[in-house]
All heavy atoms as atom14 arrays in JSON, in Angstrom:
{
  "sequence": "VSHKTMRRARQDADNAPFFSQVGPATARDFVIQTAIVIALILAGLYFE",
  "atom14_mask": [
    [1, 1, 1, 1, 1, 1, 1, 0, 0, 0, 0, 0, 0, 0],
    [1, 1, 1, 1, 1, 1, 0, 0, 0, 0, 0, 0, 0, 0],
    [1, 1, 1, 1, 1, 1, 1, 1, 1, 1, 0, 0, 0, 0],
    [1, 1, 1, 1, 1, 1, 1, 1, 1, 0, 0, 0, 0, 0],
    [1, 1, 1, 1, 1, 1, 1, 0, 0, 0, 0, 0, 0, 0],
    [1, 1, 1, 1, 1, 1, 1, 1, 0, 0, 0, 0, 0, 0],
    [1, 1, 1, 1, 1, 1, 1, 1, 1, 1, 1, 0, 0, 0],
    [1, 1, 1, 1, 1, 1, 1, 1, 1, 1, 1, 0, 0, 0],
    [1, 1, 1, 1, 1, 0, 0, 0, 0, 0, 0, 0, 0, 0],
    [1, 1, 1, 1, 1, 1, 1, 1, 1, 1, 1, 0, 0, 0],
    [1, 1, 1, 1, 1, 1, 1, 1, 1, 0, 0, 0, 0, 0],
    [1, 1, 1, 1, 1, 1, 1, 1, 0, 0, 0, 0, 0, 0],
    [1, 1, 1, 1, 1, 0, 0, 0, 0, 0, 0, 0, 0, 0],
    [1, 1, 1, 1, 1, 1, 1, 1, 0, 0, 0, 0, 0, 0],
    [1, 1, 1, 1, 1, 1, 1, 1, 0, 0, 0, 0, 0, 0],
    [1, 1, 1, 1, 1, 0, 0, 0, 0, 0, 0, 0, 0, 0],
    [1, 1, 1, 1, 1, 1, 1, 0, 0, 0, 0, 0, 0, 0],
    [1, 1, 1, 1, 1, 1, 1, 1, 1, 1, 1, 0, 0, 0],
    [1, 1, 1, 1, 1, 1, 1, 1, 1, 1, 1, 0, 0, 0],
    [1, 1, 1, 1, 1, 1, 0, 0, 0, 0, 0, 0, 0, 0],
    [1, 1, 1, 1, 1, 1, 1, 1, 1, 0, 0, 0, 0, 0],
    [1, 1, 1, 1, 1, 1, 1, 0, 0, 0, 0, 0, 0, 0],
    [1, 1, 1, 1, 0, 0, 0, 0, 0, 0, 0, 0, 0, 0],
    [1, 1, 1, 1, 1, 1, 1, 0, 0, 0, 0, 0, 0, 0],
    [1, 1, 1, 1, 1, 0, 0, 0, 0, 0, 0, 0, 0, 0],
    [1, 1, 1, 1, 1, 1, 1, 0, 0, 0, 0, 0, 0, 0],
    [1, 1, 1, 1, 1, 0, 0, 0, 0, 0, 0, 0, 0, 0],
    [1, 1, 1, 1, 1, 1, 1, 1, 1, 1, 1, 0, 0, 0],
    [1, 1, 1, 1, 1, 1, 1, 1, 0, 0, 0, 0, 0, 0],
    [1, 1, 1, 1, 1, 1, 1, 1, 1, 1, 1, 0, 0, 0],
    [1, 1, 1, 1, 1, 1, 1, 0, 0, 0, 0, 0, 0, 0],
    [1, 1, 1, 1, 1, 1, 1, 1, 0, 0, 0, 0, 0, 0],
    [1, 1, 1, 1, 1, 1, 1, 1, 1, 0, 0, 0, 0, 0],
    [1, 1, 1, 1, 1, 1, 1, 0, 0, 0, 0, 0, 0, 0],
    [1, 1, 1, 1, 1, 0, 0, 0, 0, 0, 0, 0, 0, 0],
    [1, 1, 1, 1, 1, 1, 1, 1, 0, 0, 0, 0, 0, 0],
    [1, 1, 1, 1, 1, 1, 1, 0, 0, 0, 0, 0, 0, 0],
    [1, 1, 1, 1, 1, 1, 1, 1, 0, 0, 0, 0, 0, 0],
    [1, 1, 1, 1, 1, 0, 0, 0, 0, 0, 0, 0, 0, 0],
    [1, 1, 1, 1, 1, 1, 1, 1, 0, 0, 0, 0, 0, 0],
    [1, 1, 1, 1, 1, 1, 1, 1, 0, 0, 0, 0, 0, 0],
    [1, 1, 1, 1, 1, 1, 1, 1, 0, 0, 0, 0, 0, 0],
    [1, 1, 1, 1, 1, 0, 0, 0, 0, 0, 0, 0, 0, 0],
    [1, 1, 1, 1, 0, 0, 0, 0, 0, 0, 0, 0, 0, 0],
    [1, 1, 1, 1, 1, 1, 1, 1, 0, 0, 0, 0, 0, 0],
    [1, 1, 1, 1, 1, 1, 1, 1, 1, 1, 1, 1, 0, 0],
    [1, 1, 1, 1, 1, 1, 1, 1, 1, 1, 1, 0, 0, 0],
    [1, 1, 1, 1, 1, 1, 1, 1, 1, 0, 0, 0, 0, 0]
  ],
  "atom14_positions": [
    [[4.72, 0.06, 5.38], [6.11, 0.39, 5.14], [6.38, 0.65, 3.7], [7.02, 1.59, 3.29], [7.04, -0.74, 5.61], [8.5, -0.43, 5.17], [7.12, -0.8, 7.2], [0.0, 0.0, 0.0], [0.0, 0.0, 0.0], [0.0, 0.0, 0.0], [0.0, 0.0, 0.0], [0.0, 0.0, 0.0], [0.0, 0.0, 0.0], [0.0, 0.0, 0.0]],
    [[5.81, -0.15, 2.86], [6.02, -0.06, 1.39], [5.36, 1.27, 0.86], [5.92, 1.98, 0.06], [5.39, -1.19, 0.62], [6.0, -2.45, 0.92], [0.0, 0.0, 0.0], [0.0, 0.0, 0.0], [0.0, 0.0, 0.0], [0.0, 0.0, 0.0], [0.0, 0.0, 0.0], [0.0, 0.0, 0.0], [0.0, 0.0, 0.0], [0.0, 0.0, 0.0]],
    [[4.2, 1.64, 1.39], [3.49, 2.79, 1.01], [4.28, 4.11, 1.45], [4.5, 5.05, 0.67], [2.06, 2.9, 1.55], [1.35, 4.14, 1.21], [1.1, 4.56, -0.07], [0.7, 5.04, 2.07], [0.37, 5.66, 0.0], [0.27, 6.02, 1.18], [0.0, 0.0, 0.0], [0.0, 0.0, 0.0], [0.0, 0.0, 0.0], [0.0, 0.0, 0.0]],
    [[4.73, 4.01, 2.63], [5.48, 5.11, 3.21], [6.83, 5.38, 2.39], [7.14, 6.5, 2.1], [5.85, 4.93, 4.71], [6.6, 5.99, 5.33], [6.77, 5.8, 6.84], [7.48, 6.92, 7.53], [8.93, 7.06, 7.05], [0.0, 0.0, 0.0], [0.0, 0.0, 0.0], [0.0, 0.0, 0.0], [0.0, 0.0, 0.0], [0.0, 0.0, 0.0]],
    [[7.42, 4.3, 2.03], [8.72, 4.32, 1.27], [8.46, 4.93, -0.09], [9.22, 5.77, -0.57], [9.33, 2.97, 1.11], [9.69, 2.44, 2.48], [10.62, 3.06, 0.25], [0.0, 0.0, 0.0], [0.0, 0.0, 0.0], [0.0, 0.0, 0.0], [0.0, 0.0, 0.0], [0.0, 0.0, 0.0], [0.0, 0.0, 0.0], [0.0, 0.0, 0.0]],
    [[7.32, 4.46, -0.69], [7.04, 4.96, -2.08], [6.71, 6.47, -2.0], [7.1, 7.24, -2.93], [5.81, 4.19, -2.64], [6.07, 2.82, -3.08], [7.28, 2.59, -4.42], [8.68, 2.19, -3.5], [0.0, 0.0, 0.0], [0.0, 0.0, 0.0], [0.0, 0.0, 0.0], [0.0, 0.0, 0.0], [0.0, 0.0, 0.0], [0.0, 0.0, 0.0]],
    [[6.12, 6.93, -1.06], [5.69, 8.37, -0.91], [7.03, 9.15, -0.74], [7.18, 10.27, -1.47], [4.81, 8.62, 0.31], [3.4, 8.14, 0.24], [2.64, 8.38, 1.47], [2.57, 9.79, 1.79], [2.04, 10.24, 2.87], [1.51, 9.38, 3.8], [2.06, 11.5, 3.16], [0.0, 0.0, 0.0], [0.0, 0.0, 0.0], [0.0, 0.0, 0.0]],
    [[7.95, 8.65, -0.02], [9.31, 9.41, 0.07], [10.04, 9.33, -1.18], [10.79, 10.22, -1.6], [10.08, 8.89, 1.28], [9.4, 9.18, 2.63], [10.31, 9.02, 3.73], [11.45, 10.0, 3.64], [11.42, 11.26, 4.02], [10.14, 11.72, 4.52], [12.39, 12.02, 3.95], [0.0, 0.0, 0.0], [0.0, 0.0, 0.0], [0.0, 0.0, 0.0]],
    [[10.0, 8.16, -1.91], [10.79, 8.03, -3.11], [10.24, 8.89, -4.14], [10.94, 9.42, -5.07], [10.72, 6.58, -3.51], [0.0, 0.0, 0.0], [0.0, 0.0, 0.0], [0.0, 0.0, 0.0], [0.0, 0.0, 0.0], [0.0, 0.0, 0.0], [0.0, 0.0, 0.0], [0.0, 0.0, 0.0], [0.0, 0.0, 0.0], [0.0, 0.0, 0.0]],
    [[8.9, 9.11, -4.11], [8.33, 10.05, -5.17], [8.83, 11.41, -5.07], [8.84, 12.23, -6.1], [6.78, 10.1, -5.0], [6.02, 10.89, -5.96], [4.51, 10.75, -5.7], [3.98, 9.39, -6.02], [3.63, 9.18, -7.29], [3.74, 10.0, -8.21], [3.15, 7.89, -7.56], [0.0, 0.0, 0.0], [0.0, 0.0, 0.0], [0.0, 0.0, 0.0]],
    [[9.32, 11.86, -3.86], [9.84, 13.22, -3.69], [11.15, 13.33, -4.27], [11.72, 14.52, -4.3], [9.71, 13.54, -2.21], [8.39, 13.52, -1.64], [8.32, 13.69, -0.17], [9.37, 13.94, 0.48], [7.16, 13.57, 0.51], [0.0, 0.0, 0.0], [0.0, 0.0, 0.0], [0.0, 0.0, 0.0], [0.0, 0.0, 0.0], [0.0, 0.0, 0.0]],
    [[11.92, 12.31, -4.58], [13.29, 12.26, -5.05], [13.23, 12.32, -6.58], [12.7, 11.54, -7.23], [13.96, 11.12, -4.58], [15.56, 11.23, -4.66], [15.98, 11.65, -5.83], [16.29, 11.02, -3.71], [0.0, 0.0, 0.0], [0.0, 0.0, 0.0], [0.0, 0.0, 0.0], [0.0, 0.0, 0.0], [0.0, 0.0, 0.0], [0.0, 0.0, 0.0]],
    [[13.98, 13.42, -7.02], [13.99, 13.64, -8.54], [14.61, 12.49, -9.28], [14.3, 12.22, -10.45], [14.76, 14.93, -8.91], [0.0, 0.0, 0.0], [0.0, 0.0, 0.0], [0.0, 0.0, 0.0], [0.0, 0.0, 0.0], [0.0, 0.0, 0.0], [0.0, 0.0, 0.0], [0.0, 0.0, 0.0], [0.0, 0.0, 0.0], [0.0, 0.0, 0.0]],
    [[15.46, 11.76, -8.63], [16.11, 10.65, -9.4], [15.08, 9.55, -9.74], [15.42, 8.67, -10.6], [17.22, 9.97, -8.49], [18.38, 10.88, -8.38], [18.73, 11.65, -9.31], [19.06, 10.93, -7.37], [0.0, 0.0, 0.0], [0.0, 0.0, 0.0], [0.0, 0.0, 0.0], [0.0, 0.0, 0.0], [0.0, 0.0, 0.0], [0.0, 0.0, 0.0]],
    [[13.97, 9.49, -9.03], [12.92, 8.46, -9.35], [11.9, 8.93, -10.31], [10.87, 8.27, -10.51], [12.35, 8.03, -8.06], [13.43, 7.61, -7.03], [14.22, 6.77, -7.42], [13.16, 7.93, -5.88], [0.0, 0.0, 0.0], [0.0, 0.0, 0.0], [0.0, 0.0, 0.0], [0.0, 0.0, 0.0], [0.0, 0.0, 0.0], [0.0, 0.0, 0.0]],
    [[12.15, 10.16, -10.81], [11.03, 10.78, -11.74], [10.66, 9.92, -12.94], [9.48, 9.9, -13.26], [11.53, 12.2, -12.14], [0.0, 0.0, 0.0], [0.0, 0.0, 0.0], [0.0, 0.0, 0.0], [0.0, 0.0, 0.0], [0.0, 0.0, 0.0], [0.0, 0.0, 0.0], [0.0, 0.0, 0.0], [0.0, 0.0, 0.0], [0.0, 0.0, 0.0]],
    [[11.55, 9.27, -13.55], [11.26, 8.46, -14.78], [10.18, 7.48, -14.44], [9.35, 7.07, -15.29], [12.51, 7.84, -15.21], [13.6, 8.73, -14.77], [13.09, 9.31, -13.39], [0.0, 0.0, 0.0], [0.0, 0.0, 0.0], [0.0, 0.0, 0.0], [0.0, 0.0, 0.0], [0.0, 0.0, 0.0], [0.0, 0.0, 0.0], [0.0, 0.0, 0.0]],
    [[10.09, 6.87, -13.26], [9.13, 5.86, -12.86], [7.85, 6.69, -12.38], [6.76, 6.34, -12.89], [9.65, 5.0, -11.75], [8.59, 4.14, -11.19], [8.31, 2.93, -11.93], [7.97, 4.35, -9.99], [7.39, 2.04, -11.4], [6.99, 3.47, -9.53], [6.67, 2.35, -10.19], [0.0, 0.0, 0.0], [0.0, 0.0, 0.0], [0.0, 0.0, 0.0]],
    [[7.99, 7.56, -11.38], [6.78, 8.15, -10.79], [6.06, 9.12, -11.69], [4.92, 9.49, -11.46], [7.15, 8.77, -9.54], [7.49, 7.84, -8.4], [8.8, 7.66, -7.94], [6.43, 7.08, -7.79], [9.1, 6.75, -6.97], [6.83, 6.21, -6.83], [8.05, 6.02, -6.39], [0.0, 0.0, 0.0], [0.0, 0.0, 0.0], [0.0, 0.0, 0.0]],
    [[6.76, 9.58, -12.77], [5.99, 10.45, -13.73], [5.04, 9.61, -14.54], [4.03, 10.16, -15.15], [6.99, 11.13, -14.66], [7.77, 10.12, -15.4], [0.0, 0.0, 0.0], [0.0, 0.0, 0.0], [0.0, 0.0, 0.0], [0.0, 0.0, 0.0], [0.0, 0.0, 0.0], [0.0, 0.0, 0.0], [0.0, 0.0, 0.0], [0.0, 0.0, 0.0]],
    [[5.19, 8.32, -14.58], [4.23, 7.42, -15.25], [3.25, 6.77, -14.3], [2.37, 6.05, -14.79], [5.08, 6.48, -16.02], [6.08, 6.96, -17.07], [5.48, 7.81, -18.16], [4.53, 7.36, -18.68], [5.95, 8.95, -18.35], [0.0, 0.0, 0.0], [0.0, 0.0, 0.0], [0.0, 0.0, 0.0], [0.0, 0.0, 0.0], [0.0, 0.0, 0.0]],
    [[3.49, 6.92, -13.04], [2.58, 6.1, -12.03], [1.97, 7.15, -11.12], [2.78, 7.87, -10.46], [3.38, 5.04, -11.3], [2.55, 4.39, -10.28], [4.02, 4.1, -12.32], [0.0, 0.0, 0.0], [0.0, 0.0, 0.0], [0.0, 0.0, 0.0], [0.0, 0.0, 0.0], [0.0, 0.0, 0.0], [0.0, 0.0, 0.0], [0.0, 0.0, 0.0]],
    [[0.75, 7.15, -10.99], [0.08, 8.16, -10.09], [0.18, 7.7, -8.65], [0.39, 6.51, -8.36], [0.0, 0.0, 0.0], [0.0, 0.0, 0.0], [0.0, 0.0, 0.0], [0.0, 0.0, 0.0], [0.0, 0.0, 0.0], [0.0, 0.0, 0.0], [0.0, 0.0, 0.0], [0.0, 0.0, 0.0], [0.0, 0.0, 0.0], [0.0, 0.0, 0.0]],
    [[-0.08, 8.58, -7.68], [-0.01, 8.3, -6.28], [-1.06, 7.34, -5.92], [-2.17, 7.3, -6.49], [-0.22, 9.67, -5.6], [0.02, 10.66, -6.7], [-0.25, 10.04, -7.98], [0.0, 0.0, 0.0], [0.0, 0.0, 0.0], [0.0, 0.0, 0.0], [0.0, 0.0, 0.0], [0.0, 0.0, 0.0], [0.0, 0.0, 0.0], [0.0, 0.0, 0.0]],
    [[-0.87, 6.51, -4.93], [-1.79, 5.54, -4.4], [-2.96, 6.28, -3.69], [-2.76, 7.33, -2.98], [-1.07, 4.53, -3.53], [0.0, 0.0, 0.0], [0.0, 0.0, 0.0], [0.0, 0.0, 0.0], [0.0, 0.0, 0.0], [0.0, 0.0, 0.0], [0.0, 0.0, 0.0], [0.0, 0.0, 0.0], [0.0, 0.0, 0.0], [0.0, 0.0, 0.0]],
    [[-4.09, 5.72, -3.8], [-5.2, 6.31, -3.14], [-5.85, 5.18, -2.25], [-5.39, 4.1, -2.13], [-6.39, 6.71, -4.11], [-6.83, 5.53, -4.73], [-5.78, 7.74, -5.11], [0.0, 0.0, 0.0], [0.0, 0.0, 0.0], [0.0, 0.0, 0.0], [0.0, 0.0, 0.0], [0.0, 0.0, 0.0], [0.0, 0.0, 0.0], [0.0, 0.0, 0.0]],
    [[-6.82, 5.61, -1.34], [-7.41, 4.7, -0.42], [-8.0, 3.52, -1.11], [-7.95, 2.27, -0.56], [-8.48, 5.38, 0.4], [0.0, 0.0, 0.0], [0.0, 0.0, 0.0], [0.0, 0.0, 0.0], [0.0, 0.0, 0.0], [0.0, 0.0, 0.0], [0.0, 0.0, 0.0], [0.0, 0.0, 0.0], [0.0, 0.0, 0.0], [0.0, 0.0, 0.0]],
    [[-8.48, 3.63, -2.28], [-9.08, 2.5, -3.12], [-8.04, 1.51, -3.4], [-8.37, 0.24, -3.52], [-9.65, 3.06, -4.37], [-10.39, 2.02, -5.26], [-11.0, 2.64, -6.46], [-11.96, 3.62, -6.11], [-12.65, 4.36, -7.06], [-12.34, 4.23, -8.35], [-13.54, 5.22, -6.71], [0.0, 0.0, 0.0], [0.0, 0.0, 0.0], [0.0, 0.0, 0.0]],
    [[-6.79, 1.88, -3.54], [-5.71, 0.92, -3.82], [-5.4, -0.07, -2.71], [-4.74, -1.01, -2.95], [-4.4, 1.63, -4.2], [-4.65, 2.51, -5.45], [-5.15, 1.95, -6.48], [-4.12, 3.68, -5.54], [0.0, 0.0, 0.0], [0.0, 0.0, 0.0], [0.0, 0.0, 0.0], [0.0, 0.0, 0.0], [0.0, 0.0, 0.0], [0.0, 0.0, 0.0]],
    [[-5.91, 0.19, -1.5], [-5.62, -0.53, -0.29], [-6.84, -1.39, 0.22], [-6.74, -1.88, 1.31], [-5.07, 0.33, 0.84], [-3.76, 1.0, 0.44], [-3.83, 2.36, 0.03], [-2.56, 0.37, 0.52], [-2.58, 3.03, -0.34], [-1.32, 1.02, 0.17], [-1.47, 2.34, -0.28], [0.0, 0.0, 0.0], [0.0, 0.0, 0.0], [0.0, 0.0, 0.0]],
    [[-7.88, -1.41, -0.63], [-9.06, -2.13, -0.21], [-8.76, -3.58, -0.05], [-9.16, -4.2, 0.95], [-10.19, -1.86, -1.24], [-11.43, -2.78, -0.88], [-10.69, -0.4, -1.22], [0.0, 0.0, 0.0], [0.0, 0.0, 0.0], [0.0, 0.0, 0.0], [0.0, 0.0, 0.0], [0.0, 0.0, 0.0], [0.0, 0.0, 0.0], [0.0, 0.0, 0.0]],
    [[-8.18, -4.15, -1.0], [-7.87, -5.59, -0.94], [-6.92, -6.0, 0.13], [-7.22, -6.92, 0.91], [-7.22, -6.02, -2.35], [-8.2, -5.94, -3.5], [-6.76, -7.52, -2.18], [-7.65, -6.31, -4.8], [0.0, 0.0, 0.0], [0.0, 0.0, 0.0], [0.0, 0.0, 0.0], [0.0, 0.0, 0.0], [0.0, 0.0, 0.0], [0.0, 0.0, 0.0]],
    [[-5.86, -5.13, 0.38], [-5.0, -5.35, 1.5], [-5.65, -5.34, 2.84], [-5.38, -6.12, 3.74], [-3.77, -4.43, 1.36], [-2.8, -4.68, 0.25], [-3.2, -4.02, -1.07], [-4.41, -3.6, -1.18], [-2.35, -3.88, -1.96], [0.0, 0.0, 0.0], [0.0, 0.0, 0.0], [0.0, 0.0, 0.0], [0.0, 0.0, 0.0], [0.0, 0.0, 0.0]],
    [[-6.55, -4.29, 2.95], [-7.26, -4.14, 4.24], [-8.12, -5.32, 4.43], [-8.25, -5.84, 5.52], [-8.16, -2.85, 4.16], [-7.22, -1.71, 3.96], [-8.85, -2.67, 5.46], [0.0, 0.0, 0.0], [0.0, 0.0, 0.0], [0.0, 0.0, 0.0], [0.0, 0.0, 0.0], [0.0, 0.0, 0.0], [0.0, 0.0, 0.0], [0.0, 0.0, 0.0]],
    [[-8.9, -5.79, 3.31], [-9.75, -6.88, 3.56], [-8.95, -8.26, 3.93], [-9.44, -8.95, 4.71], [-10.51, -7.16, 2.22], [0.0, 0.0, 0.0], [0.0, 0.0, 0.0], [0.0, 0.0, 0.0], [0.0, 0.0, 0.0], [0.0, 0.0, 0.0], [0.0, 0.0, 0.0], [0.0, 0.0, 0.0], [0.0, 0.0, 0.0], [0.0, 0.0, 0.0]],
    [[-7.8, -8.33, 3.43], [-6.95, -9.48, 3.66], [-6.59, -9.45, 5.19], [-6.61, -10.5, 5.84], [-5.67, -9.49, 2.85], [-6.05, -9.88, 1.38], [-4.65, -10.54, 3.33], [-4.95, -9.77, 0.44], [0.0, 0.0, 0.0], [0.0, 0.0, 0.0], [0.0, 0.0, 0.0], [0.0, 0.0, 0.0], [0.0, 0.0, 0.0], [0.0, 0.0, 0.0]],
    [[-6.07, -8.34, 5.73], [-5.69, -8.09, 7.02], [-6.94, -8.46, 8.02], [-6.78, -9.29, 8.92], [-5.26, -6.74, 7.45], [-5.0, -6.56, 8.87], [-3.89, -6.53, 6.64], [0.0, 0.0, 0.0], [0.0, 0.0, 0.0], [0.0, 0.0, 0.0], [0.0, 0.0, 0.0], [0.0, 0.0, 0.0], [0.0, 0.0, 0.0], [0.0, 0.0, 0.0]],
    [[-8.06, -7.93, 7.68], [-9.28, -8.26, 8.42], [-9.64, -9.65, 8.46], [-9.92, -10.27, 9.46], [-10.49, -7.38, 7.96], [-10.18, -5.82, 8.27], [-11.77, -7.71, 8.67], [-11.24, -4.93, 7.69], [0.0, 0.0, 0.0], [0.0, 0.0, 0.0], [0.0, 0.0, 0.0], [0.0, 0.0, 0.0], [0.0, 0.0, 0.0], [0.0, 0.0, 0.0]],
    [[-9.57, -10.28, 7.26], [-9.88, -11.67, 7.16], [-9.04, -12.56, 7.98], [-9.4, -13.54, 8.63], [-9.89, -12.11, 5.73], [0.0, 0.0, 0.0], [0.0, 0.0, 0.0], [0.0, 0.0, 0.0], [0.0, 0.0, 0.0], [0.0, 0.0, 0.0], [0.0, 0.0, 0.0], [0.0, 0.0, 0.0], [0.0, 0.0, 0.0], [0.0, 0.0, 0.0]],
    [[-7.77, -12.28, 7.9], [-6.75, -13.1, 8.68], [-6.98, -13.01, 10.19], [-6.93, -13.99, 10.93], [-5.32, -12.66, 8.34], [-4.82, -13.2, 7.02], [-3.46, -12.42, 6.66], [-4.68, -14.62, 6.94], [0.0, 0.0, 0.0], [0.0, 0.0, 0.0], [0.0, 0.0, 0.0], [0.0, 0.0, 0.0], [0.0, 0.0, 0.0], [0.0, 0.0, 0.0]],
    [[-7.25, -11.72, 10.68], [-7.54, -11.48, 12.03], [-8.81, -12.24, 12.51], [-8.78, -12.95, 13.56], [-7.63, -9.99, 12.4], [-6.28, -9.38, 12.2], [-8.16, -9.75, 13.76], [-6.25, -7.82, 12.4], [0.0, 0.0, 0.0], [0.0, 0.0, 0.0], [0.0, 0.0, 0.0], [0.0, 0.0, 0.0], [0.0, 0.0, 0.0], [0.0, 0.0, 0.0]],
    [[-9.83, -12.09, 11.7], [-11.1, -12.78, 12.11], [-10.95, -14.26, 12.11], [-11.46, -14.98, 12.98], [-12.2, -12.43, 11.18], [-12.68, -10.93, 11.2], [-13.79, -10.64, 10.08], [-13.25, -10.67, 12.53], [0.0, 0.0, 0.0], [0.0, 0.0, 0.0], [0.0, 0.0, 0.0], [0.0, 0.0, 0.0], [0.0, 0.0, 0.0], [0.0, 0.0, 0.0]],
    [[-10.21, -14.82, 11.09], [-9.94, -16.28, 11.06], [-9.14, -16.7, 12.28], [-9.34, -17.78, 12.92], [-9.14, -16.7, 9.73], [0.0, 0.0, 0.0], [0.0, 0.0, 0.0], [0.0, 0.0, 0.0], [0.0, 0.0, 0.0], [0.0, 0.0, 0.0], [0.0, 0.0, 0.0], [0.0, 0.0, 0.0], [0.0, 0.0, 0.0], [0.0, 0.0, 0.0]],
    [[-8.15, -15.89, 12.62], [-7.33, -16.18, 13.79], [-8.15, -16.25, 15.05], [-8.02, -17.11, 16.02], [0.0, 0.0, 0.0], [0.0, 0.0, 0.0], [0.0, 0.0, 0.0], [0.0, 0.0, 0.0], [0.0, 0.0, 0.0], [0.0, 0.0, 0.0], [0.0, 0.0, 0.0], [0.0, 0.0, 0.0], [0.0, 0.0, 0.0], [0.0, 0.0, 0.0]],
    [[-9.08, -15.3, 15.2], [-9.91, -15.19, 16.39], [-10.82, -16.44, 16.42], [-11.09, -17.01, 17.49], [-10.72, -13.91, 16.43], [-9.93, -12.57, 16.63], [-10.82, -11.43, 16.49], [-9.31, -12.64, 17.98], [0.0, 0.0, 0.0], [0.0, 0.0, 0.0], [0.0, 0.0, 0.0], [0.0, 0.0, 0.0], [0.0, 0.0, 0.0], [0.0, 0.0, 0.0]],
    [[-11.33, -16.86, 15.35], [-12.2, -18.01, 15.2], [-11.43, -19.17, 15.63], [-11.97, -19.99, 16.56], [-12.78, -18.18, 13.78], [-13.38, -19.57, 13.6], [-14.64, -19.8, 13.94], [-12.65, -20.61, 12.93], [-15.26, -20.97, 13.85], [-13.3, -21.83, 12.75], [-14.46, -22.06, 13.15], [-15.14, -23.21, 13.06], [0.0, 0.0, 0.0], [0.0, 0.0, 0.0]],
    [[-10.31, -19.51, 15.18], [-9.57, -20.69, 15.47], [-9.1, -20.67, 16.92], [-8.96, -21.77, 17.59], [-8.39, -20.94, 14.5], [-8.82, -21.42, 13.15], [-8.64, -20.45, 12.05], [-9.39, -22.54, 12.87], [-9.0, -20.83, 10.82], [-9.76, -22.96, 11.65], [-9.61, -22.08, 10.62], [0.0, 0.0, 0.0], [0.0, 0.0, 0.0], [0.0, 0.0, 0.0]],
    [[-8.81, -19.52, 17.41], [-8.3, -19.37, 18.78], [-9.42, -19.64, 19.76], [-9.27, -20.15, 20.9], [-7.68, -17.99, 19.04], [-6.8, -17.92, 20.15], [-5.55, -18.81, 20.13], [-5.13, -19.19, 19.02], [-4.98, -19.16, 21.23], [0.0, 0.0, 0.0], [0.0, 0.0, 0.0], [0.0, 0.0, 0.0], [0.0, 0.0, 0.0], [0.0, 0.0, 0.0]]
  ]
}
């Protein structure tokens, strides 16, 4: 949800002062989040 919102906010000129200084997110930026989700699911399966 956060990523989708940021993508749409980047298209609005009113947010240009911020997004002109911050590059778009890439797949590499979500490596940690993906690892966290996988780790939580695996831990859940283990305990279950």
